[in-house]
Amino acid sequence: MDIFILIVVLGGLFFAIYMLAKSKNRNPIGWILLGIPTSPILMLIILLFMKKLPKQRGQVTTRKKRSIKKRR
C-alpha cells in the first residue's frame, strides 16, 4: 500500500511539472526527466520562479487549431 501512495504522489508531482512547464512554453519532458534524478518538488519551485518564454514561430495554440478545423 505504501508503494501505491508513493507512485500516486510522484505521478501527481510529475503531472504538475508537465502542466507548469507547458504553460511557461518550456520543454515538459525535459523538466520531468530532470526531476527524476533530482527532486520533483525542486523542479516545481524552479519552474514557479522562471519567466514565461515567448512562443516559437510556427507554434499553434489549441484555440487556433480549433478555428482552423472549423474553417475547413
C-alpha atoms as a PDB file:
ATOM      1  CA  MET A   1       0.000   0.000   0.000  1.00  0.00           C
ATOM      2  CA  ASP A   2       2.879   2.363   0.782  1.00  0.00           C
ATOM      3  CA  ILE A   3       4.370   1.918  -2.681  1.00  0.00           C
ATOM      4  CA  PHE A   4       0.990   2.733  -4.254  1.00  0.00           C
ATOM      5  CA  ILE A   5       0.784   6.011  -2.338  1.00  0.00           C
ATOM      6  CA  LEU A   6       4.357   6.882  -3.374  1.00  0.00           C
ATOM      7  CA  ILE A   7       3.567   6.218  -7.046  1.00  0.00           C
ATOM      8  CA  VAL A   8       0.386   8.331  -6.902  1.00  0.00           C
ATOM      9  CA  VAL A   9       2.172  11.248  -5.209  1.00  0.00           C
ATOM     10  CA  LEU A  10       5.117  11.156  -7.640  1.00  0.00           C
ATOM     11  CA  GLY A  11       2.709  10.864 -10.564  1.00  0.00           C
ATOM     12  CA  GLY A  12       0.874  13.951  -9.340  1.00  0.00           C
ATOM     13  CA  LEU A  13       4.119  15.879  -8.939  1.00  0.00           C
ATOM     14  CA  PHE A  14       5.274  14.932 -12.426  1.00  0.00           C
ATOM     15  CA  PHE A  15       1.884  15.911 -13.850  1.00  0.00           C
ATOM     16  CA  ALA A  16       2.179  19.303 -12.114  1.00  0.00           C
ATOM     17  CA  ILE A  17       5.682  19.739 -13.577  1.00  0.00           C
ATOM     18  CA  TYR A  18       4.337  18.873 -17.035  1.00  0.00           C
ATOM     19  CA  MET A  19       1.461  21.355 -16.854  1.00  0.00           C
ATOM     20  CA  LEU A  20       3.576  24.166 -15.371  1.00  0.00           C
ATOM     21  CA  ALA A  21       6.388  23.730 -17.923  1.00  0.00           C
ATOM     22  CA  LYS A  22       3.862  23.628 -20.751  1.00  0.00           C
ATOM     23  CA  SER A  23       2.148  26.802 -19.514  1.00  0.00           C
ATOM     24  CA  LYS A  24       5.532  28.587 -19.471  1.00  0.00           C
ATOM     25  CA  ASN A  25       6.367  27.403 -23.026  1.00  0.00           C
ATOM     26  CA  ARG A  26       9.205  25.185 -21.838  1.00  0.00           C
ATOM     27  CA  ASN A  27      10.003  21.565 -22.660  1.00  0.00           C
ATOM     28  CA  PRO A  28       7.829  19.494 -20.264  1.00  0.00           C
ATOM     29  CA  ILE A  29       9.530  16.157 -20.958  1.00  0.00           C
ATOM     30  CA  GLY A  30      12.948  17.661 -20.273  1.00  0.00           C
ATOM     31  CA  TRP A  31      11.789  19.048 -16.938  1.00  0.00           C
ATOM     32  CA  ILE A  32      10.241  15.713 -15.953  1.00  0.00           C
ATOM     33  CA  LEU A  33      13.437  13.855 -16.862  1.00  0.00           C
ATOM     34  CA  LEU A  34      15.435  16.390 -14.873  1.00  0.00           C
ATOM     35  CA  GLY A  35      13.115  15.855 -11.907  1.00  0.00           C
ATOM     36  CA  ILE A  36      13.673  12.078 -11.800  1.00  0.00           C
ATOM     37  CA  PRO A  37      17.297  12.061 -10.543  1.00  0.00           C
ATOM     38  CA  THR A  38      16.896  15.265  -8.532  1.00  0.00           C
ATOM     39  CA  SER A  39      13.659  16.224  -6.818  1.00  0.00           C
ATOM     40  CA  PRO A  40      10.253  16.871  -8.439  1.00  0.00           C
ATOM     41  CA  ILE A  41       9.494  19.430  -5.721  1.00  0.00           C
ATOM     42  CA  LEU A  42      12.721  21.306  -6.532  1.00  0.00           C
ATOM     43  CA  MET A  43      11.773  21.343 -10.235  1.00  0.00           C
ATOM     44  CA  LEU A  44       8.341  22.770  -9.364  1.00  0.00           C
ATOM     45  CA  ILE A  45       9.910  25.537  -7.283  1.00  0.00           C
ATOM     46  CA  ILE A  46      12.389  26.414 -10.042  1.00  0.00           C
ATOM     47  CA  LEU A  47       9.629  26.468 -12.675  1.00  0.00           C
ATOM     48  CA  LEU A  48       7.442  28.680 -10.495  1.00  0.00           C
ATOM     49  CA  PHE A  49      10.107  31.396 -10.438  1.00  0.00           C
ATOM     50  CA  MET A  50      11.017  31.199 -14.138  1.00  0.00           C
ATOM     51  CA  LYS A  51       9.542  33.655 -16.615  1.00  0.00           C
ATOM     52  CA  LYS A  52       7.246  32.575 -19.404  1.00  0.00           C
ATOM     53  CA  LEU A  53       9.069  32.217 -22.718  1.00  0.00           C
ATOM     54  CA  PRO A  54       7.654  33.746 -25.888  1.00  0.00           C
ATOM     55  CA  LYS A  55       6.045  31.260 -28.253  1.00  0.00           C
ATOM     56  CA  GLN A  56       8.235  29.923 -31.029  1.00  0.00           C
ATOM     57  CA  ARG A  57       7.397  30.682 -34.624  1.00  0.00           C
ATOM     58  CA  GLY A  58       5.045  28.161 -36.103  1.00  0.00           C
ATOM     59  CA  GLN A  59       3.751  27.024 -32.732  1.00  0.00           C
ATOM     60  CA  VAL A  60      -0.017  26.754 -32.957  1.00  0.00           C
ATOM     61  CA  THR A  61      -2.199  27.054 -29.888  1.00  0.00           C
ATOM     62  CA  THR A  62      -5.165  24.782 -29.254  1.00  0.00           C
ATOM     63  CA  ARG A  63      -7.577  27.644 -29.864  1.00  0.00           C
ATOM     64  CA  LYS A  64      -6.010  28.312 -33.273  1.00  0.00           C
ATOM     65  CA  LYS A  65      -6.171  24.607 -34.135  1.00  0.00           C
ATOM     66  CA  ARG A  66      -9.897  24.565 -33.385  1.00  0.00           C
ATOM     67  CA  SER A  67     -10.557  27.656 -35.510  1.00  0.00           C
ATOM     68  CA  ILE A  68      -8.564  26.173 -38.389  1.00  0.00           C
ATOM     69  CA  LYS A  69     -10.597  22.960 -38.239  1.00  0.00           C
ATOM     70  CA  LYS A  70     -13.877  24.911 -38.212  1.00  0.00           C
ATOM     71  CA  ARG A  71     -12.909  26.796 -41.380  1.00  0.00           C
ATOM     72  CA  ARG A  72     -12.377  23.586 -43.354  1.00  0.00           C
END
